[in-house]
C-alpha atoms as a PDB file:
ATOM      1  CA  UNK A   1       1.846 -14.060  -7.576  1.00  0.00           C
ATOM      2  CA  UNK A   2       4.349 -11.450  -8.742  1.00  0.00           C
ATOM      3  CA  UNK A   3       5.310  -8.437  -6.616  1.00  0.00           C
ATOM      4  CA  UNK A   4       3.561  -5.120  -7.207  1.00  0.00           C
ATOM      5  CA  UNK A   5       5.073  -2.988  -9.951  1.00  0.00           C
ATOM      6  CA  UNK A   6       5.860   0.179  -8.015  1.00  0.00           C
ATOM      7  CA  UNK A   7       8.775   2.551  -8.131  1.00  0.00           C
ATOM      8  CA  UNK A   8      11.024   2.315  -5.054  1.00  0.00           C
ATOM      9  CA  UNK A   9      10.048   5.837  -3.985  1.00  0.00           C
ATOM     10  CA  UNK A  10       6.320   5.109  -4.254  1.00  0.00           C
ATOM     11  CA  UNK A  11       6.708   1.808  -2.413  1.00  0.00           C
ATOM     12  CA  UNK A  12       8.522   3.485   0.487  1.00  0.00           C
ATOM     13  CA  UNK A  13       5.898   6.230   0.775  1.00  0.00           C
ATOM     14  CA  UNK A  14       3.022   3.732   0.693  1.00  0.00           C
ATOM     15  CA  UNK A  15       4.646   1.493   3.304  1.00  0.00           C
ATOM     16  CA  UNK A  16       5.105   4.487   5.607  1.00  0.00           C
ATOM     17  CA  UNK A  17       1.539   5.743   5.108  1.00  0.00           C
ATOM     18  CA  UNK A  18       0.019   2.289   5.653  1.00  0.00           C
ATOM     19  CA  UNK A  19       2.358   1.632   8.587  1.00  0.00           C
ATOM     20  CA  UNK A  20       3.482  -1.757   7.240  1.00  0.00           C
ATOM     21  CA  UNK A  21       6.899  -3.202   6.373  1.00  0.00           C
ATOM     22  CA  UNK A  22       8.067  -2.669   2.796  1.00  0.00           C
ATOM     23  CA  UNK A  23       8.349  -6.428   2.181  1.00  0.00           C
ATOM     24  CA  UNK A  24       4.724  -6.927   3.210  1.00  0.00           C
ATOM     25  CA  UNK A  25       3.610  -4.147   0.877  1.00  0.00           C
ATOM     26  CA  UNK A  26       5.477  -5.576  -2.111  1.00  0.00           C
ATOM     27  CA  UNK A  27       3.854  -9.002  -1.694  1.00  0.00           C
ATOM     28  CA  UNK A  28       0.376  -7.697  -0.922  1.00  0.00           C
ATOM     29  CA  UNK A  29      -2.251  -8.545  -3.567  1.00  0.00           C
ATOM     30  CA  UNK A  30      -3.196  -5.474  -5.569  1.00  0.00           C
ATOM     31  CA  UNK A  31      -6.898  -5.614  -4.648  1.00  0.00           C
ATOM     32  CA  UNK A  32      -6.043  -5.606  -0.931  1.00  0.00           C
ATOM     33  CA  UNK A  33      -3.706  -2.639  -1.373  1.00  0.00           C
ATOM     34  CA  UNK A  34      -6.434  -0.707  -3.190  1.00  0.00           C
ATOM     35  CA  UNK A  35      -8.916  -1.583  -0.432  1.00  0.00           C
ATOM     36  CA  UNK A  36      -6.517  -0.335   2.271  1.00  0.00           C
ATOM     37  CA  UNK A  37      -5.890   2.904   0.362  1.00  0.00           C
ATOM     38  CA  UNK A  38      -9.639   3.480  -0.001  1.00  0.00           C
ATOM     39  CA  UNK A  39     -10.164   2.882   3.733  1.00  0.00           C
ATOM     40  CA  UNK A  40      -7.344   5.309   4.527  1.00  0.00           C
ATOM     41  CA  UNK A  41      -8.879   7.959   2.257  1.00  0.00           C
ATOM     42  CA  UNK A  42     -12.331   7.407   3.792  1.00  0.00           C
ATOM     43  CA  UNK A  43     -10.910   7.824   7.319  1.00  0.00           C
ATOM     44  CA  UNK A  44      -9.097  10.986   6.238  1.00  0.00           C
ATOM     45  CA  UNK A  45     -12.323  12.512   4.892  1.00  0.00           C
ATOM     46  CA  UNK A  46     -14.282  11.810   8.100  1.00  0.00           C
END
């Protein structure tokens, strides 16, 4: 599995928002990242 194709700035911001290490974010499968972002958005709206 190849790392996510994100700009360094975007990767840093996502890692901070998700509260996970940058290395973990870069090797996270894309579908899991999308799921986490959707959960974060859902929590923000509630």
